[in-house]
């Protein structure tokens, strides 16, 4: 509950590579005449190409299927598509070879998922997607990832690690969450189950019981509203601290080890936290996997800078059909760009929302 993880195993695996990369170039098929939906300095995007991307995108991000035709949303996707198309084309031969190797493995996972995940297969069949469509998607995004990561220097990684060490610590924490609201699994509507004052009082009550020697396993089952940990004594073992929401992350990083802290408030409610273990090695002691996490964060920043500073120079002209009768109010509340839940370990991000 502290961080979202509802996608299938294959989608989560694939998104470790594509992260928030939202684009691909699809080989245009023969048949009906194609029309331009955008031009930019040195290239263009056709309707077939972009529609194929949208088909794959809705399979990868099914929550957005209902809003994909909203003009503002669709135009933003097209602009992002152009930017990644440009950047992935700048990948070196070495980066391309790396991407091709990664995609082979990803396609194995994808095909396995198709044979096991009926929901995924139904979505793929509905869009009439071929294996080659998904392979093109993964290859384009993987080339982009490899290219952006190659721009990151060791010095930049060290600076990021020293500045934001809170995100890279490995922590083992026990917590009990007392929520103020719950979400209906069918309608996804939220409803209040306690007032803020009631939740805080309940959190203090369970903290006092724990401090008096109460059993974490028993009290977590009785008090916790976190389905991800309540049956494990509230334990999250050896997790990267950067995945938590901000208030929880700061507590896990700063709270004294072995001491139950005062209730910590987040958007989820109140957390009673015990930090059991915390590892914050020096940069030169990091594993290669951990270094790649740092590299991915710096690559994300470089991508953000490109989107802000360089994309406007590409003389983009959008030619999407107007759909004035589609209300913008249909967009998901609070969402401006497609959300992702992947960590920035292997891929740059255009806009990485805090994971929960």
Protein backbone atom coordinates (compact mmCIF):
# COMPACT_ATOMS: atom_id res chain seq x y z
CA UNK A 1 0.00 0.00 0.00
CA UNK A 2 2.97 2.27 0.48
CA UNK A 3 3.96 1.91 -3.15
CA UNK A 4 1.77 0.83 -6.05
CA UNK A 5 2.40 -2.58 -7.59
CA UNK A 6 -0.70 -3.83 -9.40
CA UNK A 7 0.63 -4.65 -12.85
CA UNK A 8 1.24 -8.19 -14.01
CA UNK A 9 4.69 -9.68 -13.51
CA UNK A 10 5.51 -9.20 -17.17
CA UNK A 11 4.39 -5.57 -17.26
CA UNK A 12 6.47 -4.78 -14.19
CA UNK A 13 9.48 -6.51 -15.74
CA UNK A 14 9.03 -4.71 -19.01
CA UNK A 15 8.63 -1.37 -17.30
CA UNK A 16 11.95 -1.79 -15.53
CA UNK A 17 13.34 -1.17 -18.98
CA UNK A 18 10.82 1.27 -20.39
CA UNK A 19 10.02 2.98 -17.05
CA UNK A 20 8.20 6.17 -18.01
CA UNK A 21 9.39 6.03 -21.60
CA UNK A 22 6.19 6.51 -23.52
CA UNK A 23 7.15 6.12 -27.18
CA UNK A 24 8.13 3.83 -29.98
CA UNK A 25 8.51 3.87 -33.73
CA UNK A 26 6.44 1.27 -35.49
CA UNK A 27 7.15 0.03 -38.99
CA UNK A 28 4.36 1.29 -41.20
CA UNK A 29 2.31 -1.40 -42.91
CA UNK A 30 1.18 -1.30 -46.49
CA UNK A 31 -2.40 -0.50 -47.37
CA UNK A 32 -4.35 2.72 -46.97
CA UNK A 33 -2.69 6.04 -47.60
CA UNK A 34 -0.98 7.49 -44.56
CA UNK A 35 -1.36 11.07 -43.40
CA UNK A 36 0.92 13.19 -41.25
CA UNK A 37 -0.13 13.90 -37.69
CA UNK A 38 3.03 15.85 -36.87
CA UNK A 39 6.23 17.20 -38.37
CA UNK A 40 9.45 18.21 -36.69
CA UNK A 41 12.91 19.24 -37.72
CA UNK A 42 14.18 16.39 -39.86
CA UNK A 43 11.18 14.08 -39.67
CA UNK A 44 7.47 13.42 -39.37
CA UNK A 45 4.96 11.10 -37.70
CA UNK A 46 2.17 9.38 -39.64
CA UNK A 47 -1.25 8.40 -38.40
CA UNK A 48 -0.52 4.66 -38.77
CA UNK A 49 2.71 4.97 -36.85
CA UNK A 50 1.13 6.95 -34.02
CA UNK A 51 -2.02 4.81 -33.85
CA UNK A 52 0.11 1.70 -33.52
CA UNK A 53 1.94 3.35 -30.67
CA UNK A 54 -1.35 4.22 -28.98
CA UNK A 55 -2.48 0.60 -29.29
CA UNK A 56 0.65 -0.68 -27.57
CA UNK A 57 0.51 2.13 -25.03
CA UNK A 58 -3.01 1.20 -23.93
CA UNK A 59 -1.92 -2.42 -23.49
CA UNK A 60 1.02 -1.32 -21.36
CA UNK A 61 -1.01 1.34 -19.50
CA UNK A 62 -4.62 0.03 -19.50
CA UNK A 63 -5.81 2.61 -16.97
CA UNK A 64 -5.51 5.26 -19.67
CA UNK A 65 -7.54 3.49 -22.35
CA UNK A 66 -10.65 5.51 -21.51
CA UNK A 67 -8.91 8.88 -21.88
CA UNK A 68 -6.57 8.23 -24.78
CA UNK A 69 -8.70 10.33 -27.16
CA UNK A 70 -8.78 13.44 -25.00
CA UNK A 71 -7.11 16.04 -27.26
CA UNK A 72 -4.73 17.54 -24.70
CA UNK A 73 -3.63 14.12 -23.49
CA UNK A 74 -3.19 12.76 -27.00
CA UNK A 75 -1.17 15.77 -28.11
CA UNK A 76 1.13 15.42 -25.12
CA UNK A 77 1.74 11.79 -25.96
CA UNK A 78 2.56 12.76 -29.52
CA UNK A 79 5.07 15.39 -28.39
CA UNK A 80 6.73 12.88 -26.09
CA UNK A 81 6.71 10.33 -28.89
CA UNK A 82 8.59 12.72 -31.13
CA UNK A 83 11.18 13.54 -28.47
CA UNK A 84 11.98 9.89 -27.79
CA UNK A 85 12.00 9.06 -31.47
CA UNK A 86 14.66 11.73 -31.95
CA UNK A 87 16.76 10.67 -28.98
CA UNK A 88 16.59 6.93 -29.58
CA UNK A 89 17.89 7.61 -33.08
CA UNK A 90 21.04 9.03 -31.50
CA UNK A 91 21.98 5.74 -29.81
CA UNK A 92 25.49 4.54 -30.57
CA UNK A 93 26.20 1.13 -32.14
CA UNK A 94 27.21 -0.12 -28.72
CA UNK A 95 23.95 1.13 -27.18
CA UNK A 96 21.94 -0.46 -29.98
CA UNK A 97 23.61 -3.85 -29.38
CA UNK A 98 22.88 -3.57 -25.66
CA UNK A 99 19.25 -2.73 -26.41
CA UNK A 100 18.89 -5.67 -28.78
CA UNK A 101 20.21 -8.07 -26.12
CA UNK A 102 17.77 -6.70 -23.52
CA UNK A 103 14.83 -6.93 -25.91
CA UNK A 104 15.46 -10.61 -26.60
CA UNK A 105 15.01 -11.33 -22.92
CA UNK A 106 12.02 -9.02 -22.66
CA UNK A 107 10.30 -10.76 -25.56
CA UNK A 108 10.76 -14.12 -23.85
CA UNK A 109 9.04 -12.72 -20.78
CA UNK A 110 6.31 -11.17 -22.91
CA UNK A 111 5.52 -14.41 -24.72
CA UNK A 112 5.43 -16.30 -21.44
CA UNK A 113 3.05 -13.69 -20.04
CA UNK A 114 0.79 -13.99 -23.08
CA UNK A 115 0.40 -17.70 -22.42
CA UNK A 116 -0.37 -17.19 -18.73
CA UNK A 117 -2.15 -13.84 -18.44
CA UNK A 118 -5.62 -13.99 -19.99
CA UNK A 119 -6.23 -10.28 -19.43
CA UNK A 120 -3.04 -9.33 -21.24
CA UNK A 121 -3.76 -11.70 -24.13
CA UNK A 122 -7.28 -10.34 -24.51
CA UNK A 123 -5.94 -6.78 -24.68
CA UNK A 124 -3.31 -7.73 -27.26
CA UNK A 125 -5.84 -9.62 -29.36
CA UNK A 126 -8.33 -6.74 -29.21
CA UNK A 127 -5.70 -4.39 -30.64
CA UNK A 128 -4.54 -7.02 -33.17
CA UNK A 129 -0.95 -6.52 -32.03
CA UNK A 130 1.73 -8.79 -33.40
CA UNK A 131 4.89 -9.85 -31.61
CA UNK A 132 6.82 -7.56 -33.94
CA UNK A 133 4.82 -4.57 -32.70
CA UNK A 134 5.85 -5.23 -29.12
CA UNK A 135 9.42 -5.98 -30.19
CA UNK A 136 9.61 -2.63 -32.02
CA UNK A 137 8.25 -0.90 -28.93
CA UNK A 138 10.79 -2.47 -26.63
CA UNK A 139 13.67 -1.94 -29.02
CA UNK A 140 12.94 1.75 -29.46
CA UNK A 141 12.56 2.38 -25.76
CA UNK A 142 15.59 0.29 -24.86
CA UNK A 143 17.75 2.19 -27.34
CA UNK A 144 16.61 5.40 -25.74
CA UNK A 145 17.36 4.13 -22.25
CA UNK A 146 20.84 2.98 -23.24
CA UNK A 147 21.53 6.30 -24.97
CA UNK A 148 20.41 8.44 -22.03
CA UNK A 149 22.27 6.34 -19.49
CA UNK A 150 25.42 6.64 -21.59
CA UNK A 151 25.30 10.42 -21.14
CA UNK A 152 25.74 10.11 -17.36
CA UNK A 153 29.23 10.55 -15.90
CA UNK A 154 30.66 8.98 -12.76
CA UNK A 155 31.03 12.45 -11.25
CA UNK A 156 27.35 13.18 -11.80
CA UNK A 157 26.42 9.91 -10.15
CA UNK A 158 28.57 10.64 -7.10
CA UNK A 159 27.02 14.09 -6.76
CA UNK A 160 23.49 12.66 -6.96
CA UNK A 161 24.26 9.97 -4.38
CA UNK A 162 25.75 12.44 -1.93
CA UNK A 163 22.88 14.88 -2.36
CA UNK A 164 20.03 12.38 -2.18
CA UNK A 165 21.36 9.51 -0.10
CA UNK A 166 17.93 9.14 1.52
CA UNK A 167 16.65 7.58 -1.71
CA UNK A 168 19.37 4.94 -1.97
CA UNK A 169 19.54 3.57 1.57
CA UNK A 170 18.46 -0.04 2.02
CA UNK A 171 16.10 -0.31 4.98
CA UNK A 172 14.19 -2.96 6.88
CA UNK A 173 11.18 -1.47 8.65
CA UNK A 174 8.15 -2.65 10.54
CA UNK A 175 5.12 -0.43 10.48
CA UNK A 176 1.46 -0.41 11.34
CA UNK A 177 -0.75 1.84 9.24
CA UNK A 178 -3.93 3.36 10.62
CA UNK A 179 -5.82 4.74 7.64
CA UNK A 180 -8.32 7.57 7.48
CA UNK A 181 -9.89 6.31 4.24
CA UNK A 182 -10.28 3.21 2.13
CA UNK A 183 -10.78 2.55 -1.58
CA UNK A 184 -13.62 0.46 -2.92
CA UNK A 185 -11.96 -2.27 -5.05
CA UNK A 186 -14.89 -2.28 -7.48
CA UNK A 187 -15.58 1.42 -8.02
CA UNK A 188 -12.18 2.77 -6.92
CA UNK A 189 -14.06 5.40 -4.93
CA UNK A 190 -12.57 6.55 -1.64
CA UNK A 191 -14.55 6.79 1.55
CA UNK A 192 -13.61 7.96 5.00
CA UNK A 193 -13.35 5.28 7.66
CA UNK A 194 -11.93 7.44 10.47
CA UNK A 195 -11.38 11.09 11.15
CA UNK A 196 -7.81 12.33 11.35
CA UNK A 197 -8.10 12.61 15.12
CA UNK A 198 -9.48 9.06 15.43
CA UNK A 199 -6.67 7.65 13.29
CA UNK A 200 -4.01 9.46 15.32
CA UNK A 201 -5.50 8.24 18.59
CA UNK A 202 -5.57 4.64 17.31
CA UNK A 203 -1.96 4.95 16.11
CA UNK A 204 -0.86 6.20 19.53
CA UNK A 205 -2.76 3.35 21.15
CA UNK A 206 -0.94 0.69 19.12
CA UNK A 207 2.41 2.46 19.66
CA UNK A 208 1.90 2.28 23.42
CA UNK A 209 1.06 -1.43 23.19
CA UNK A 210 4.18 -2.11 21.12
CA UNK A 211 6.36 -0.09 23.49
CA UNK A 212 5.00 -2.16 26.37
CA UNK A 213 6.22 -5.33 24.67
CA UNK A 214 3.24 -6.13 22.47
CA UNK A 215 3.69 -8.62 19.67
CA UNK A 216 4.18 -7.03 16.24
CA UNK A 217 2.58 -9.95 14.40
CA UNK A 218 -0.57 -9.91 16.48
CA UNK A 219 -0.92 -6.13 16.63
CA UNK A 220 -0.26 -5.67 12.91
CA UNK A 221 -3.07 -8.12 12.12
CA UNK A 222 -5.40 -6.31 14.51
CA UNK A 223 -4.57 -2.67 13.77
CA UNK A 224 -2.85 -2.32 10.40
CA UNK A 225 -4.69 -1.23 7.26
CA UNK A 226 -1.74 -2.06 5.00
CA UNK A 227 -2.54 -5.32 3.18
CA UNK A 228 1.03 -5.53 1.93
CA UNK A 229 2.53 -6.06 5.39
CA UNK A 230 -0.15 -6.70 8.03
CA UNK A 231 0.20 -10.48 7.75
CA UNK A 232 4.00 -10.26 7.97
CA UNK A 233 4.17 -8.44 11.27
CA UNK A 234 4.30 -5.11 9.44
CA UNK A 235 7.69 -5.97 7.95
CA UNK A 236 9.21 -4.66 4.74
CA UNK A 237 12.70 -6.16 4.61
CA UNK A 238 15.69 -4.79 2.70
CA UNK A 239 13.78 -2.27 0.58
CA UNK A 240 15.15 0.73 -1.26
CA UNK A 241 14.10 3.75 0.72
CA UNK A 242 13.38 5.87 -2.34
CA UNK A 243 10.26 3.86 -3.17
CA UNK A 244 8.29 5.14 -0.20
CA UNK A 245 6.19 8.28 0.00
CA UNK A 246 8.17 11.27 1.25
CA UNK A 247 7.18 11.34 4.94
CA UNK A 248 7.65 7.60 5.37
CA UNK A 249 10.95 7.74 3.49
CA UNK A 250 12.31 10.48 5.72
CA UNK A 251 11.29 8.63 8.88
CA UNK A 252 12.88 5.39 7.69
CA UNK A 253 16.10 7.28 6.94
CA UNK A 254 16.33 9.43 10.08
CA UNK A 255 14.55 7.54 12.84
CA UNK A 256 16.76 5.91 15.45
CA UNK A 257 17.28 2.22 14.72
CA UNK A 258 15.46 -0.09 17.14
CA UNK A 259 13.23 2.66 18.58
CA UNK A 260 9.52 2.95 17.83
CA UNK A 261 8.91 6.48 16.63
CA UNK A 262 5.97 8.81 17.04
CA UNK A 263 3.18 8.28 14.47
CA UNK A 264 4.11 9.61 11.03
CA UNK A 265 1.37 11.10 8.89
CA UNK A 266 1.17 10.46 5.13
CA UNK A 267 -1.65 10.57 2.59
CA UNK A 268 -2.44 7.02 3.65
CA UNK A 269 -2.97 7.82 7.32
CA UNK A 270 -0.70 7.41 10.36
CA UNK A 271 2.25 5.00 10.49
CA UNK A 272 3.85 3.59 13.61
CA UNK A 273 7.39 2.75 12.47
CA UNK A 274 10.26 0.69 13.80
CA UNK A 275 13.49 0.80 11.76
CA UNK A 276 15.22 -2.54 12.25
CA UNK A 277 18.14 -2.06 9.87
CA UNK A 278 19.52 0.64 7.58
CA UNK A 279 22.46 0.41 5.19
CA UNK A 280 23.97 3.54 3.61
CA UNK A 281 27.32 2.54 2.07
CA UNK A 282 29.79 4.98 0.56
CA UNK A 283 29.40 5.46 -3.21
CA UNK A 284 32.47 3.39 -4.05
CA UNK A 285 31.03 0.48 -2.04
CA UNK A 286 27.75 0.33 -3.96
CA UNK A 287 26.86 -2.73 -5.98
CA UNK A 288 26.54 -2.33 -9.74
CA UNK A 289 22.77 -2.68 -9.40
CA UNK A 290 22.64 0.17 -6.90
CA UNK A 291 24.89 2.32 -9.09
CA UNK A 292 22.50 1.76 -11.98
CA UNK A 293 19.70 3.13 -9.81
CA UNK A 294 21.72 6.30 -9.30
CA UNK A 295 22.54 6.45 -13.00
CA UNK A 296 18.85 6.16 -13.86
CA UNK A 297 17.98 9.12 -11.65
CA UNK A 298 20.60 11.33 -13.29
CA UNK A 299 19.41 10.16 -16.71
CA UNK A 300 15.88 11.19 -15.70
CA UNK A 301 17.10 14.67 -14.90
CA UNK A 302 18.83 14.88 -18.26
CA UNK A 303 15.63 13.80 -19.96
CA UNK A 304 13.66 16.46 -18.12
CA UNK A 305 16.19 19.05 -19.24
CA UNK A 306 15.91 17.89 -22.84
CA UNK A 307 12.12 18.13 -22.73
CA UNK A 308 12.31 21.65 -21.32
CA UNK A 309 15.26 23.12 -23.20
CA UNK A 310 15.71 21.20 -26.45
CA UNK A 311 12.33 19.90 -27.55
CA UNK A 312 10.95 23.41 -28.23
CA UNK A 313 13.78 23.86 -30.75
CA UNK A 314 12.55 20.96 -32.88
CA UNK A 315 9.93 23.09 -34.68
CA UNK A 316 7.13 20.64 -33.94
CA UNK A 317 3.86 21.13 -35.79
CA UNK A 318 0.94 19.04 -34.52
CA UNK A 319 -1.68 18.08 -37.12
CA UNK A 320 -4.00 15.87 -35.08
CA UNK A 321 -7.68 16.12 -36.00
CA UNK A 322 -9.60 18.49 -33.77
CA UNK A 323 -12.10 16.93 -31.38
CA UNK A 324 -13.76 19.92 -29.79
CA UNK A 325 -16.63 17.83 -28.49
CA UNK A 326 -14.37 15.73 -26.22
CA UNK A 327 -14.44 17.31 -22.74
CA UNK A 328 -11.09 17.69 -21.02
CA UNK A 329 -12.84 17.11 -17.71
CA UNK A 330 -12.96 13.38 -18.50
CA UNK A 331 -9.24 13.05 -17.70
CA UNK A 332 -8.33 11.27 -14.47
CA UNK A 333 -8.30 13.75 -11.60
CA UNK A 334 -4.86 15.07 -10.84
CA UNK A 335 -3.21 13.37 -13.83
CA UNK A 336 -1.40 15.32 -16.50
CA UNK A 337 0.99 12.71 -17.82
CA UNK A 338 0.74 8.94 -17.94
CA UNK A 339 1.72 7.44 -14.61
CA UNK A 340 4.25 4.75 -14.05
CA UNK A 341 5.35 2.69 -11.14
CA UNK A 342 8.77 1.65 -12.29
CA UNK A 343 11.90 2.63 -10.44
CA UNK A 344 14.41 4.69 -12.41
CA UNK A 345 17.06 2.00 -12.29
CA UNK A 346 17.28 1.30 -16.00
CA UNK A 347 15.45 4.10 -17.68
CA UNK A 348 15.17 7.87 -17.68
CA UNK A 349 11.93 9.51 -16.71
CA UNK A 350 10.16 12.52 -18.15
CA UNK A 351 8.27 13.12 -14.96
CA UNK A 352 8.57 10.64 -12.12
CA UNK A 353 5.71 10.87 -9.63
CA UNK A 354 6.39 9.85 -6.04
CA UNK A 355 5.66 6.16 -5.69
CA UNK A 356 3.35 5.05 -2.98
